[in-house]
Amino acid sequence: MKIRILNLPRDFSENELAALFKTYGNIKDCSIVMDSETGKSKGFGFIEMALAHEGEVAIKELHGKKVGKDKIRVKMAN
């Protein structure tokens, strides 16, 4: 299951993002979208969970969680 995470702090790393989701199951892939001109985070990323039910639990538990100064938005990617 592929999950989109929005409203991430601009200095958040892929390792930190993966650590948030590891609690809920095995991660197949993790990436933060970077601006090609500045090389800085665009504030969102993607996680791919190995099993759909683990992804569903992660979405439920992490949507609205405060990370840095703001709450992240977590939903299934289209």
PDB file of N, CA and C in Angstrom:
ATOM      1  N   MET A   1       0.845  -1.173   0.000  1.00  0.00           N
ATOM      2  CA  MET A   1       0.000   0.000   0.000  1.00  0.00           C
ATOM      3  C   MET A   1       0.891   1.238   0.000  1.00  0.00           C
ATOM      4  N   LYS A   2       0.631   2.141  -0.938  1.00  0.00           N
ATOM      5  CA  LYS A   2       1.404   3.375  -1.030  1.00  0.00           C
ATOM      6  C   LYS A   2       0.663   4.490  -0.288  1.00  0.00           C
ATOM      7  N   ILE A   3       1.399   5.206   0.544  1.00  0.00           N
ATOM      8  CA  ILE A   3       0.836   6.236   1.412  1.00  0.00           C
ATOM      9  C   ILE A   3       1.515   7.570   1.134  1.00  0.00           C
ATOM     10  N   ARG A   4       0.713   8.630   1.093  1.00  0.00           N
ATOM     11  CA  ARG A   4       1.243   9.983   0.896  1.00  0.00           C
ATOM     12  C   ARG A   4       1.219  10.704   2.244  1.00  0.00           C
ATOM     13  N   ILE A   5       2.318  11.388   2.571  1.00  0.00           N
ATOM     14  CA  ILE A   5       2.436  12.133   3.818  1.00  0.00           C
ATOM     15  C   ILE A   5       2.667  13.591   3.461  1.00  0.00           C
ATOM     16  N   LEU A   6       1.765  14.450   3.906  1.00  0.00           N
ATOM     17  CA  LEU A   6       1.823  15.879   3.599  1.00  0.00           C
ATOM     18  C   LEU A   6       2.123  16.690   4.848  1.00  0.00           C
ATOM     19  N   ASN A   7       2.623  17.904   4.637  1.00  0.00           N
ATOM     20  CA  ASN A   7       2.877  18.865   5.713  1.00  0.00           C
ATOM     21  C   ASN A   7       4.064  18.463   6.592  1.00  0.00           C
ATOM     22  N   LEU A   8       5.049  17.812   5.987  1.00  0.00           N
ATOM     23  CA  LEU A   8       6.257  17.440   6.716  1.00  0.00           C
ATOM     24  C   LEU A   8       7.144  18.670   6.917  1.00  0.00           C
ATOM     25  N   PRO A   9       7.893  18.709   8.031  1.00  0.00           N
ATOM     26  CA  PRO A   9       8.873  19.791   8.190  1.00  0.00           C
ATOM     27  C   PRO A   9       9.882  19.737   7.035  1.00  0.00           C
ATOM     28  N   ARG A  10      10.320  20.889   6.572  1.00  0.00           N
ATOM     29  CA  ARG A  10      11.231  20.950   5.415  1.00  0.00           C
ATOM     30  C   ARG A  10      12.593  20.305   5.680  1.00  0.00           C
ATOM     31  N   ASP A  11      12.951  20.151   6.949  1.00  0.00           N
ATOM     32  CA  ASP A  11      14.248  19.546   7.284  1.00  0.00           C
ATOM     33  C   ASP A  11      14.116  18.070   7.685  1.00  0.00           C
ATOM     34  N   PHE A  12      12.951  17.491   7.476  1.00  0.00           N
ATOM     35  CA  PHE A  12      12.685  16.094   7.841  1.00  0.00           C
ATOM     36  C   PHE A  12      13.395  15.164   6.858  1.00  0.00           C
ATOM     37  N   SER A  13      14.053  14.142   7.363  1.00  0.00           N
ATOM     38  CA  SER A  13      14.812  13.227   6.498  1.00  0.00           C
ATOM     39  C   SER A  13      14.013  11.958   6.190  1.00  0.00           C
ATOM     40  N   GLU A  14      14.451  11.230   5.177  1.00  0.00           N
ATOM     41  CA  GLU A  14      13.823   9.951   4.833  1.00  0.00           C
ATOM     42  C   GLU A  14      13.958   8.961   5.987  1.00  0.00           C
ATOM     43  N   ASN A  15      15.085   8.987   6.681  1.00  0.00           N
ATOM     44  CA  ASN A  15      15.275   8.087   7.833  1.00  0.00           C
ATOM     45  C   ASN A  15      14.266   8.392   8.932  1.00  0.00           C
ATOM     46  N   GLU A  16      14.012   9.674   9.180  1.00  0.00           N
ATOM     47  CA  GLU A  16      13.030  10.052  10.198  1.00  0.00           C
ATOM     48  C   GLU A  16      11.622   9.636   9.771  1.00  0.00           C
ATOM     49  N   LEU A  17      11.320   9.795   8.494  1.00  0.00           N
ATOM     50  CA  LEU A  17      10.014   9.394   7.978  1.00  0.00           C
ATOM     51  C   LEU A  17       9.830   7.877   8.106  1.00  0.00           C
ATOM     52  N   ALA A  18      10.842   7.130   7.728  1.00  0.00           N
ATOM     53  CA  ALA A  18      10.774   5.669   7.843  1.00  0.00           C
ATOM     54  C   ALA A  18      10.596   5.248   9.300  1.00  0.00           C
ATOM     55  N   ALA A  19      11.265   5.923  10.214  1.00  0.00           N
ATOM     56  CA  ALA A  19      11.162   5.585  11.636  1.00  0.00           C
ATOM     57  C   ALA A  19       9.730   5.766  12.150  1.00  0.00           C
ATOM     58  N   LEU A  20       9.020   6.780  11.648  1.00  0.00           N
ATOM     59  CA  LEU A  20       7.626   6.995  12.043  1.00  0.00           C
ATOM     60  C   LEU A  20       6.757   5.790  11.686  1.00  0.00           C
ATOM     61  N   PHE A  21       7.019   5.187  10.530  1.00  0.00           N
ATOM     62  CA  PHE A  21       6.162   4.136  10.002  1.00  0.00           C
ATOM     63  C   PHE A  21       6.599   2.727  10.378  1.00  0.00           C
ATOM     64  N   LYS A  22       7.861   2.536  10.756  1.00  0.00           N
ATOM     65  CA  LYS A  22       8.366   1.197  11.082  1.00  0.00           C
ATOM     66  C   LYS A  22       7.585   0.548  12.218  1.00  0.00           C
ATOM     67  N   THR A  23       7.047   1.347  13.104  1.00  0.00           N
ATOM     68  CA  THR A  23       6.263   0.837  14.224  1.00  0.00           C
ATOM     69  C   THR A  23       5.050   0.034  13.741  1.00  0.00           C
ATOM     70  N   TYR A  24       4.556   0.366  12.559  1.00  0.00           N
ATOM     71  CA  TYR A  24       3.307  -0.214  12.063  1.00  0.00           C
ATOM     72  C   TYR A  24       3.509  -1.362  11.080  1.00  0.00           C
ATOM     73  N   GLY A  25       4.749  -1.650  10.704  1.00  0.00           N
ATOM     74  CA  GLY A  25       4.994  -2.776   9.808  1.00  0.00           C
ATOM     75  C   GLY A  25       6.210  -2.578   8.928  1.00  0.00           C
ATOM     76  N   ASN A  26       6.380  -3.492   7.992  1.00  0.00           N
ATOM     77  CA  ASN A  26       7.524  -3.459   7.088  1.00  0.00           C
ATOM     78  C   ASN A  26       7.327  -2.419   5.995  1.00  0.00           C
ATOM     79  N   ILE A  27       8.386  -1.680   5.730  1.00  0.00           N
ATOM     80  CA  ILE A  27       8.368  -0.631   4.720  1.00  0.00           C
ATOM     81  C   ILE A  27       9.110  -1.139   3.489  1.00  0.00           C
ATOM     82  N   LYS A  28       8.466  -1.044   2.328  1.00  0.00           N
ATOM     83  CA  LYS A  28       9.105  -1.447   1.077  1.00  0.00           C
ATOM     84  C   LYS A  28       9.882  -0.300   0.453  1.00  0.00           C
ATOM     85  N   ASP A  29       9.374   0.936   0.642  1.00  0.00           N
ATOM     86  CA  ASP A  29      10.025   2.097   0.030  1.00  0.00           C
ATOM     87  C   ASP A  29       9.663   3.347   0.823  1.00  0.00           C
ATOM     88  N   CYS A  30      10.573   4.306   0.828  1.00  0.00           N
ATOM     89  CA  CYS A  30      10.369   5.564   1.526  1.00  0.00           C
ATOM     90  C   CYS A  30      11.068   6.665   0.734  1.00  0.00           C
ATOM     91  N   SER A  31      10.349   7.767   0.489  1.00  0.00           N
ATOM     92  CA  SER A  31      10.992   8.879  -0.222  1.00  0.00           C
ATOM     93  C   SER A  31      10.343  10.201   0.158  1.00  0.00           C
ATOM     94  N   ILE A  32      11.164  11.224   0.190  1.00  0.00           N
ATOM     95  CA  ILE A  32      10.701  12.591   0.381  1.00  0.00           C
ATOM     96  C   ILE A  32      10.938  13.314  -0.940  1.00  0.00           C
ATOM     97  N   VAL A  33       9.942  14.045  -1.399  1.00  0.00           N
ATOM     98  CA  VAL A  33      10.041  14.752  -2.683  1.00  0.00           C
ATOM     99  C   VAL A  33      10.879  16.012  -2.486  1.00  0.00           C
ATOM    100  N   MET A  34      11.905  16.142  -3.343  1.00  0.00           N
ATOM    101  CA  MET A  34      12.845  17.259  -3.245  1.00  0.00           C
ATOM    102  C   MET A  34      12.677  18.211  -4.426  1.00  0.00           C
ATOM    103  N   ASP A  35      12.902  19.488  -4.177  1.00  0.00           N
ATOM    104  CA  ASP A  35      12.873  20.500  -5.230  1.00  0.00           C
ATOM    105  C   ASP A  35      14.141  20.349  -6.064  1.00  0.00           C
ATOM    106  N   SER A  36      14.002  20.218  -7.370  1.00  0.00           N
ATOM    107  CA  SER A  36      15.172  19.977  -8.227  1.00  0.00           C
ATOM    108  C   SER A  36      16.099  21.180  -8.306  1.00  0.00           C
ATOM    109  N   GLU A  37      15.576  22.373  -8.101  1.00  0.00           N
ATOM    110  CA  GLU A  37      16.422  23.574  -8.187  1.00  0.00           C
ATOM    111  C   GLU A  37      17.169  23.851  -6.892  1.00  0.00           C
ATOM    112  N   THR A  38      16.476  23.720  -5.756  1.00  0.00           N
ATOM    113  CA  THR A  38      17.103  24.061  -4.475  1.00  0.00           C
ATOM    114  C   THR A  38      17.681  22.858  -3.750  1.00  0.00           C
ATOM    115  N   GLY A  39      17.202  21.658  -4.099  1.00  0.00           N
ATOM    116  CA  GLY A  39      17.657  20.458  -3.407  1.00  0.00           C
ATOM    117  C   GLY A  39      17.029  20.292  -2.031  1.00  0.00           C
ATOM    118  N   LYS A  40      16.030  21.118  -1.702  1.00  0.00           N
ATOM    119  CA  LYS A  40      15.372  21.055  -0.395  1.00  0.00           C
ATOM    120  C   LYS A  40      14.032  20.339  -0.516  1.00  0.00           C
ATOM    121  N   SER A  41      13.579  19.836   0.604  1.00  0.00           N
ATOM    122  CA  SER A  41      12.305  19.118   0.652  1.00  0.00           C
ATOM    123  C   SER A  41      11.144  20.015   0.247  1.00  0.00           C
ATOM    124  N   LYS A  42      10.178  19.417  -0.436  1.00  0.00           N
ATOM    125  CA  LYS A  42       8.950  20.132  -0.780  1.00  0.00           C
ATOM    126  C   LYS A  42       7.894  19.971   0.316  1.00  0.00           C
ATOM    127  N   GLY A  43       8.215  19.228   1.373  1.00  0.00           N
ATOM    128  CA  GLY A  43       7.302  19.086   2.510  1.00  0.00           C
ATOM    129  C   GLY A  43       6.335  17.919   2.408  1.00  0.00           C
ATOM    130  N   PHE A  44       6.586  17.008   1.465  1.00  0.00           N
ATOM    131  CA  PHE A  44       5.753  15.810   1.405  1.00  0.00           C
ATOM    132  C   PHE A  44       6.570  14.630   0.910  1.00  0.00           C
ATOM    133  N   GLY A  45       6.029  13.434   1.165  1.00  0.00           N
ATOM    134  CA  GLY A  45       6.749  12.235   0.758  1.00  0.00           C
ATOM    135  C   GLY A  45       5.816  11.055   0.649  1.00  0.00           C
ATOM    136  N   PHE A  46       6.414   9.899   0.394  1.00  0.00           N
ATOM    137  CA  PHE A  46       5.657   8.668   0.187  1.00  0.00           C
ATOM    138  C   PHE A  46       6.297   7.522   0.951  1.00  0.00           C
ATOM    139  N   ILE A  47       5.448   6.640   1.439  1.00  0.00           N
ATOM    140  CA  ILE A  47       5.875   5.397   2.079  1.00  0.00           C
ATOM    141  C   ILE A  47       5.117   4.277   1.391  1.00  0.00           C
ATOM    142  N   GLU A  48       5.784   3.169   1.140  1.00  0.00           N
ATOM    143  CA  GLU A  48       5.077   1.998   0.656  1.00  0.00           C
ATOM    144  C   GLU A  48       5.211   0.906   1.705  1.00  0.00           C
ATOM    145  N   MET A  49       4.072   0.488   2.236  1.00  0.00           N
ATOM    146  CA  MET A  49       4.039  -0.552   3.256  1.00  0.00           C
ATOM    147  C   MET A  49       3.887  -1.907   2.560  1.00  0.00           C
ATOM    148  N   ALA A  50       4.472  -2.937   3.145  1.00  0.00           N
ATOM    149  CA  ALA A  50       4.436  -4.270   2.560  1.00  0.00           C
ATOM    150  C   ALA A  50       3.021  -4.852   2.547  1.00  0.00           C
ATOM    151  N   LEU A  51       2.263  -4.606   3.602  1.00  0.00           N
ATOM    152  CA  LEU A  51       0.924  -5.181   3.710  1.00  0.00           C
ATOM    153  C   LEU A  51      -0.119  -4.078   3.858  1.00  0.00           C
ATOM    154  N   ALA A  52      -1.232  -4.239   3.163  1.00  0.00           N
ATOM    155  CA  ALA A  52      -2.277  -3.204   3.153  1.00  0.00           C
ATOM    156  C   ALA A  52      -2.823  -2.914   4.546  1.00  0.00           C
ATOM    157  N   HIS A  53      -3.048  -3.958   5.355  1.00  0.00           N
ATOM    158  CA  HIS A  53      -3.626  -3.699   6.680  1.00  0.00           C
ATOM    159  C   HIS A  53      -2.664  -2.919   7.573  1.00  0.00           C
ATOM    160  N   GLU A  54      -1.360  -3.110   7.392  1.00  0.00           N
ATOM    161  CA  GLU A  54      -0.382  -2.319   8.155  1.00  0.00           C
ATOM    162  C   GLU A  54      -0.455  -0.848   7.733  1.00  0.00           C
ATOM    163  N   GLY A  55      -0.611  -0.619   6.442  1.00  0.00           N
ATOM    164  CA  GLY A  55      -0.750   0.746   5.936  1.00  0.00           C
ATOM    165  C   GLY A  55      -1.993   1.421   6.469  1.00  0.00           C
ATOM    166  N   GLU A  56      -3.093   0.682   6.540  1.00  0.00           N
ATOM    167  CA  GLU A  56      -4.341   1.239   7.051  1.00  0.00           C
ATOM    168  C   GLU A  56      -4.202   1.657   8.513  1.00  0.00           C
ATOM    169  N   VAL A  57      -3.534   0.832   9.305  1.00  0.00           N
ATOM    170  CA  VAL A  57      -3.306   1.162  10.711  1.00  0.00           C
ATOM    171  C   VAL A  57      -2.401   2.388  10.827  1.00  0.00           C
ATOM    172  N   ALA A  58      -1.343   2.443  10.018  1.00  0.00           N
ATOM    173  CA  ALA A  58      -0.424   3.584  10.042  1.00  0.00           C
ATOM    174  C   ALA A  58      -1.158   4.878   9.697  1.00  0.00           C
ATOM    175  N   ILE A  59      -2.016   4.844   8.686  1.00  0.00           N
ATOM    176  CA  ILE A  59      -2.776   6.030   8.301  1.00  0.00           C
ATOM    177  C   ILE A  59      -3.653   6.485   9.464  1.00  0.00           C
ATOM    178  N   LYS A  60      -4.361   5.537  10.054  1.00  0.00           N
ATOM    179  CA  LYS A  60      -5.266   5.864  11.164  1.00  0.00           C
ATOM    180  C   LYS A  60      -4.502   6.476  12.345  1.00  0.00           C
ATOM    181  N   GLU A  61      -3.355   5.907  12.669  1.00  0.00           N
ATOM    182  CA  GLU A  61      -2.604   6.341  13.846  1.00  0.00           C
ATOM    183  C   GLU A  61      -1.807   7.637  13.619  1.00  0.00           C
ATOM    184  N   LEU A  62      -1.328   7.845  12.398  1.00  0.00           N
ATOM    185  CA  LEU A  62      -0.428   8.976  12.152  1.00  0.00           C
ATOM    186  C   LEU A  62      -1.102  10.220  11.573  1.00  0.00           C
ATOM    187  N   HIS A  63      -2.283  10.075  10.965  1.00  0.00           N
ATOM    188  CA  HIS A  63      -2.976  11.243  10.407  1.00  0.00           C
ATOM    189  C   HIS A  63      -3.299  12.216  11.544  1.00  0.00           C
ATOM    190  N   GLY A  64      -2.833  13.452  11.415  1.00  0.00           N
ATOM    191  CA  GLY A  64      -3.067  14.468  12.433  1.00  0.00           C
ATOM    192  C   GLY A  64      -2.026  14.503  13.534  1.00  0.00           C
ATOM    193  N   LYS A  65      -1.031  13.624  13.471  1.00  0.00           N
ATOM    194  CA  LYS A  65       0.037  13.609  14.483  1.00  0.00           C
ATOM    195  C   LYS A  65       0.913  14.845  14.310  1.00  0.00           C
ATOM    196  N   LYS A  66       1.281  15.453  15.428  1.00  0.00           N
ATOM    197  CA  LYS A  66       2.144  16.629  15.373  1.00  0.00           C
ATOM    198  C   LYS A  66       3.593  16.196  15.148  1.00  0.00           C
ATOM    199  N   VAL A  67       4.180  16.713  14.082  1.00  0.00           N
ATOM    200  CA  VAL A  67       5.590  16.463  13.755  1.00  0.00           C
ATOM    201  C   VAL A  67       6.210  17.837  13.526  1.00  0.00           C
ATOM    202  N   GLY A  68       7.160  18.189  14.357  1.00  0.00           N
ATOM    203  CA  GLY A  68       7.678  19.556  14.296  1.00  0.00           C
ATOM    204  C   GLY A  68       6.615  20.498  14.835  1.00  0.00           C
ATOM    205  N   LYS A  69       6.373  21.594  14.114  1.00  0.00           N
ATOM    206  CA  LYS A  69       5.394  22.589  14.567  1.00  0.00           C
ATOM    207  C   LYS A  69       3.978  22.294  14.088  1.00  0.00           C
ATOM    208  N   ASP A  70       3.840  21.436  13.083  1.00  0.00           N
ATOM    209  CA  ASP A  70       2.539  21.231  12.457  1.00  0.00           C
ATOM    210  C   ASP A  70       2.095  19.779  12.497  1.00  0.00           C
ATOM    211  N   LYS A  71       0.813  19.572  12.232  1.00  0.00           N
ATOM    212  CA  LYS A  71       0.261  18.226  12.140  1.00  0.00           C
ATOM    213  C   LYS A  71       0.415  17.722  10.702  1.00  0.00           C
ATOM    214  N   ILE A  72       0.845  16.465  10.590  1.00  0.00           N
ATOM    215  CA  ILE A  72       0.987  15.867   9.254  1.00  0.00           C
ATOM    216  C   ILE A  72      -0.367  15.319   8.799  1.00  0.00           C
ATOM    217  N   ARG A  73      -0.504  15.230   7.480  1.00  0.00           N
ATOM    218  CA  ARG A  73      -1.679  14.596   6.880  1.00  0.00           C
ATOM    219  C   ARG A  73      -1.205  13.325   6.205  1.00  0.00           C
ATOM    220  N   VAL A  74      -1.873  12.232   6.504  1.00  0.00           N
ATOM    221  CA  VAL A  74      -1.462  10.925   6.005  1.00  0.00           C
ATOM    222  C   VAL A  74      -2.663  10.265   5.342  1.00  0.00           C
ATOM    223  N   LYS A  75      -2.493   9.884   4.072  1.00  0.00           N
ATOM    224  CA  LYS A  75      -3.594   9.228   3.359  1.00  0.00           C
ATOM    225  C   LYS A  75      -3.044   8.296   2.292  1.00  0.00           C
ATOM    226  N   MET A  76      -3.929   7.433   1.805  1.00  0.00           N
ATOM    227  CA  MET A  76      -3.526   6.501   0.761  1.00  0.00           C
ATOM    228  C   MET A  76      -3.236   7.295  -0.519  1.00  0.00           C
ATOM    229  N   ALA A  77      -2.135   6.951  -1.159  1.00  0.00           N
ATOM    230  CA  ALA A  77      -1.751   7.618  -2.419  1.00  0.00           C
ATOM    231  C   ALA A  77      -2.588   7.054  -3.551  1.00  0.00           C
ATOM    232  N   ASN A  78      -2.906   7.894  -4.516  1.00  0.00           N
ATOM    233  CA  ASN A  78      -3.684   7.450  -5.675  1.00  0.00           C
ATOM    234  C   ASN A  78      -2.799   6.782  -6.694  1.00  0.00           C
TER     235      ASN A  78
END
